[in-house]
């Protein structure tokens, strides 16, 4: 696999934590950074997918009335809370 060198300035405490992890895991610093970056990118891609899915639901009219949600939330501290609202 081809690679590309990226340079980033990180706060010293974060760099020290990376060094500690590298030592503990007996892995190079670059491996730690690649793992972290890959996980963050995967999380952001999933967040984007879920956002687009949610926006499509709104466009299709699959929403719950704000007042119904507010009434339900307000009832949660009562002895007999309202059932959760549904689409």
N, C-alpha and C. Protein backbone atom coordinates (compact mmCIF):
# COMPACT_ATOMS: atom_id res chain seq x y z
N UNK A 1 0.85 -1.17 0.00
CA UNK A 1 0.00 0.00 0.00
C UNK A 1 0.90 1.24 0.00
N UNK A 2 0.59 2.18 -0.86
CA UNK A 2 1.33 3.43 -0.87
C UNK A 2 0.95 4.25 0.36
N UNK A 3 1.88 5.03 0.83
CA UNK A 3 1.61 5.87 2.00
C UNK A 3 2.00 7.31 1.70
N UNK A 4 1.57 8.19 2.54
CA UNK A 4 1.88 9.61 2.44
C UNK A 4 2.19 10.12 3.84
N UNK A 5 3.22 10.88 3.95
CA UNK A 5 3.59 11.44 5.24
C UNK A 5 2.75 12.68 5.50
N UNK A 6 2.12 12.73 6.67
CA UNK A 6 1.36 13.89 7.12
C UNK A 6 2.04 14.44 8.36
N UNK A 7 2.07 15.73 8.46
CA UNK A 7 2.67 16.37 9.62
C UNK A 7 1.58 17.09 10.40
N UNK A 8 1.61 16.93 11.71
CA UNK A 8 0.63 17.60 12.55
C UNK A 8 1.30 18.03 13.84
N UNK A 9 0.95 19.19 14.29
CA UNK A 9 1.40 19.65 15.60
C UNK A 9 0.34 19.24 16.61
N UNK A 10 0.77 18.52 17.64
CA UNK A 10 -0.16 18.10 18.69
C UNK A 10 0.34 18.64 20.02
N UNK A 11 -0.56 18.90 20.93
CA UNK A 11 -0.14 19.37 22.25
C UNK A 11 0.80 18.35 22.91
N UNK A 12 1.76 18.83 23.64
CA UNK A 12 2.74 17.98 24.29
C UNK A 12 2.11 16.88 25.15
N UNK A 13 1.08 17.18 25.96
CA UNK A 13 0.48 16.09 26.75
C UNK A 13 -0.08 14.96 25.88
N UNK A 14 -0.65 15.30 24.73
CA UNK A 14 -1.17 14.27 23.83
C UNK A 14 -0.02 13.46 23.23
N UNK A 15 1.05 14.12 22.83
CA UNK A 15 2.21 13.42 22.29
C UNK A 15 2.80 12.48 23.34
N UNK A 16 2.83 12.91 24.58
CA UNK A 16 3.36 12.06 25.64
C UNK A 16 2.48 10.83 25.85
N UNK A 17 1.17 11.01 25.75
CA UNK A 17 0.26 9.86 25.87
C UNK A 17 0.48 8.88 24.73
N UNK A 18 0.68 9.40 23.53
CA UNK A 18 0.95 8.54 22.38
C UNK A 18 2.23 7.74 22.62
N UNK A 19 3.26 8.42 23.11
CA UNK A 19 4.52 7.74 23.41
C UNK A 19 4.33 6.65 24.47
N UNK A 20 3.54 6.94 25.49
CA UNK A 20 3.28 5.95 26.54
C UNK A 20 2.55 4.73 25.98
N UNK A 21 1.55 5.00 25.14
CA UNK A 21 0.82 3.89 24.51
C UNK A 21 1.73 3.06 23.63
N UNK A 22 2.55 3.73 22.86
CA UNK A 22 3.47 3.03 21.96
C UNK A 22 4.39 2.11 22.76
N UNK A 23 4.88 2.61 23.86
CA UNK A 23 5.76 1.80 24.71
C UNK A 23 5.00 0.62 25.31
N UNK A 24 3.84 0.90 25.86
CA UNK A 24 3.05 -0.16 26.51
C UNK A 24 2.63 -1.24 25.53
N UNK A 25 2.23 -0.81 24.31
CA UNK A 25 1.76 -1.76 23.30
C UNK A 25 2.89 -2.33 22.44
N UNK A 26 4.09 -1.82 22.66
CA UNK A 26 5.24 -2.22 21.86
C UNK A 26 4.96 -2.05 20.37
N UNK A 27 4.46 -0.86 20.05
CA UNK A 27 4.13 -0.49 18.67
C UNK A 27 4.78 0.85 18.38
N UNK A 28 5.06 1.12 17.10
CA UNK A 28 5.61 2.44 16.76
C UNK A 28 4.56 3.53 16.95
N UNK A 29 5.04 4.72 17.20
CA UNK A 29 4.16 5.88 17.37
C UNK A 29 3.23 6.03 16.15
N UNK A 30 3.76 5.85 14.96
CA UNK A 30 2.96 5.99 13.74
C UNK A 30 1.79 5.02 13.70
N UNK A 31 1.98 3.82 14.24
CA UNK A 31 0.90 2.83 14.26
C UNK A 31 -0.24 3.33 15.13
N UNK A 32 0.12 3.89 16.30
CA UNK A 32 -0.90 4.43 17.22
C UNK A 32 -1.69 5.53 16.53
N UNK A 33 -0.98 6.44 15.87
CA UNK A 33 -1.64 7.57 15.20
C UNK A 33 -2.53 7.06 14.08
N UNK A 34 -2.07 6.08 13.29
CA UNK A 34 -2.90 5.53 12.20
C UNK A 34 -4.17 4.90 12.74
N UNK A 35 -4.05 4.14 13.83
CA UNK A 35 -5.23 3.50 14.43
C UNK A 35 -6.25 4.55 14.88
N UNK A 36 -5.74 5.58 15.55
CA UNK A 36 -6.63 6.63 16.06
C UNK A 36 -7.30 7.39 14.92
N UNK A 37 -6.53 7.71 13.91
CA UNK A 37 -7.08 8.45 12.77
C UNK A 37 -8.10 7.62 12.02
N UNK A 38 -7.82 6.35 11.81
CA UNK A 38 -8.77 5.47 11.12
C UNK A 38 -10.08 5.36 11.90
N UNK A 39 -9.98 5.23 13.23
CA UNK A 39 -11.20 5.12 14.05
C UNK A 39 -12.00 6.41 14.00
N UNK A 40 -11.31 7.55 14.05
CA UNK A 40 -12.01 8.84 14.00
C UNK A 40 -12.70 9.03 12.66
N UNK A 41 -12.02 8.69 11.58
CA UNK A 41 -12.63 8.83 10.25
C UNK A 41 -13.85 7.92 10.13
N UNK A 42 -13.74 6.70 10.61
CA UNK A 42 -14.89 5.77 10.57
C UNK A 42 -16.07 6.34 11.35
N UNK A 43 -15.79 6.92 12.52
CA UNK A 43 -16.85 7.52 13.34
C UNK A 43 -17.50 8.70 12.61
N UNK A 44 -16.70 9.54 11.99
CA UNK A 44 -17.24 10.69 11.27
C UNK A 44 -18.06 10.26 10.05
N UNK A 45 -17.62 9.22 9.35
CA UNK A 45 -18.38 8.72 8.21
C UNK A 45 -19.72 8.16 8.65
N UNK A 46 -19.73 7.46 9.79
CA UNK A 46 -20.99 6.93 10.32
C UNK A 46 -21.90 8.07 10.76
N UNK A 47 -21.33 9.09 11.38
CA UNK A 47 -22.13 10.25 11.78
C UNK A 47 -22.77 10.91 10.56
N UNK A 48 -22.00 11.04 9.48
CA UNK A 48 -22.53 11.63 8.25
C UNK A 48 -23.64 10.77 7.66
N UNK A 49 -23.45 9.44 7.67
CA UNK A 49 -24.47 8.53 7.14
C UNK A 49 -25.76 8.66 7.95
N UNK A 50 -25.63 8.69 9.28
CA UNK A 50 -26.82 8.81 10.13
C UNK A 50 -27.50 10.16 9.96
N UNK A 51 -26.72 11.21 9.77
CA UNK A 51 -27.30 12.54 9.54
C UNK A 51 -28.11 12.56 8.26
N UNK A 52 -27.55 12.01 7.20
CA UNK A 52 -28.27 11.97 5.92
C UNK A 52 -29.53 11.11 6.02
N UNK A 53 -29.43 10.02 6.76
CA UNK A 53 -30.60 9.16 6.97
C UNK A 53 -31.69 9.92 7.74
N UNK A 54 -31.30 10.66 8.75
CA UNK A 54 -32.26 11.43 9.54
C UNK A 54 -32.90 12.53 8.71
N UNK A 55 -32.10 13.20 7.89
CA UNK A 55 -32.65 14.25 7.03
C UNK A 55 -33.63 13.67 6.01
N UNK A 56 -33.35 12.48 5.52
CA UNK A 56 -34.27 11.83 4.59
C UNK A 56 -35.58 11.50 5.30
N UNK A 57 -35.51 11.07 6.57
CA UNK A 57 -36.73 10.82 7.35
C UNK A 57 -37.55 12.09 7.48
N UNK A 58 -36.89 13.20 7.75
CA UNK A 58 -37.60 14.48 7.87
C UNK A 58 -38.25 14.84 6.54
N UNK A 59 -37.50 14.69 5.46
CA UNK A 59 -38.05 14.99 4.13
C UNK A 59 -39.27 14.13 3.82
N UNK A 60 -39.27 12.88 4.32
CA UNK A 60 -40.39 11.96 4.09
C UNK A 60 -41.53 12.17 5.08
N UNK A 61 -41.36 13.11 6.00
CA UNK A 61 -42.42 13.40 6.95
C UNK A 61 -42.44 12.49 8.16
N UNK A 62 -41.37 11.71 8.36
CA UNK A 62 -41.32 10.81 9.52
C UNK A 62 -40.76 11.56 10.71
N UNK A 63 -41.59 12.36 11.31
CA UNK A 63 -41.18 13.18 12.45
C UNK A 63 -42.20 13.04 13.57
N UNK A 64 -41.80 13.41 14.77
CA UNK A 64 -42.69 13.42 15.92
C UNK A 64 -42.88 14.86 16.34
N UNK A 65 -44.10 15.24 16.58
CA UNK A 65 -44.43 16.60 16.98
C UNK A 65 -43.66 17.01 18.23
N UNK A 66 -43.05 18.18 18.18
CA UNK A 66 -42.25 18.68 19.29
C UNK A 66 -43.05 18.73 20.59
N UNK A 67 -44.25 19.21 20.53
CA UNK A 67 -45.06 19.33 21.75
C UNK A 67 -45.34 17.96 22.35
N UNK A 68 -45.54 16.94 21.50
CA UNK A 68 -45.77 15.59 22.01
C UNK A 68 -44.53 15.08 22.75
N UNK A 69 -43.36 15.37 22.22
CA UNK A 69 -42.12 14.96 22.89
C UNK A 69 -41.96 15.73 24.20
N UNK A 70 -42.23 17.03 24.17
CA UNK A 70 -42.11 17.85 25.38
C UNK A 70 -43.06 17.36 26.47
N UNK A 71 -44.32 17.07 26.09
CA UNK A 71 -45.29 16.57 27.06
C UNK A 71 -44.82 15.25 27.67
N UNK A 72 -44.29 14.36 26.83
CA UNK A 72 -43.79 13.07 27.30
C UNK A 72 -42.62 13.28 28.27
N UNK A 73 -41.66 14.13 27.88
CA UNK A 73 -40.49 14.39 28.73
C UNK A 73 -40.91 14.98 30.07
N UNK A 74 -41.84 15.90 30.02
CA UNK A 74 -42.32 16.51 31.25
C UNK A 74 -43.00 15.50 32.16
N UNK A 75 -43.61 14.48 31.58
CA UNK A 75 -44.35 13.49 32.37
C UNK A 75 -43.44 12.44 33.01
N UNK A 76 -42.16 12.41 32.63
CA UNK A 76 -41.28 11.36 33.13
C UNK A 76 -41.05 11.43 34.63
N UNK A 77 -41.20 12.61 35.21
CA UNK A 77 -41.02 12.74 36.66
C UNK A 77 -42.31 12.46 37.44
N UNK A 78 -43.38 12.14 36.73
CA UNK A 78 -44.66 11.87 37.39
C UNK A 78 -44.79 10.39 37.73
N UNK A 79 -45.77 10.08 38.56
CA UNK A 79 -46.01 8.69 38.95
C UNK A 79 -46.43 7.83 37.76
N UNK A 80 -47.20 8.42 36.86
CA UNK A 80 -47.67 7.69 35.67
C UNK A 80 -47.26 8.45 34.42
N UNK A 81 -46.02 8.26 33.95
CA UNK A 81 -45.59 8.99 32.76
C UNK A 81 -46.36 8.58 31.51
N UNK A 82 -46.46 9.50 30.59
CA UNK A 82 -47.12 9.22 29.31
C UNK A 82 -46.30 8.20 28.54
N UNK A 83 -46.95 7.44 27.65
CA UNK A 83 -46.18 6.55 26.78
C UNK A 83 -45.33 7.40 25.81
N UNK A 84 -44.20 6.86 25.43
CA UNK A 84 -43.32 7.57 24.50
C UNK A 84 -44.06 7.80 23.19
N UNK A 85 -43.92 9.00 22.62
CA UNK A 85 -44.58 9.27 21.34
C UNK A 85 -43.97 8.45 20.21
N UNK A 86 -44.79 8.15 19.21
CA UNK A 86 -44.33 7.37 18.05
C UNK A 86 -44.58 8.14 16.78
N UNK A 87 -43.86 7.74 15.74
CA UNK A 87 -44.05 8.36 14.44
C UNK A 87 -45.38 7.93 13.86
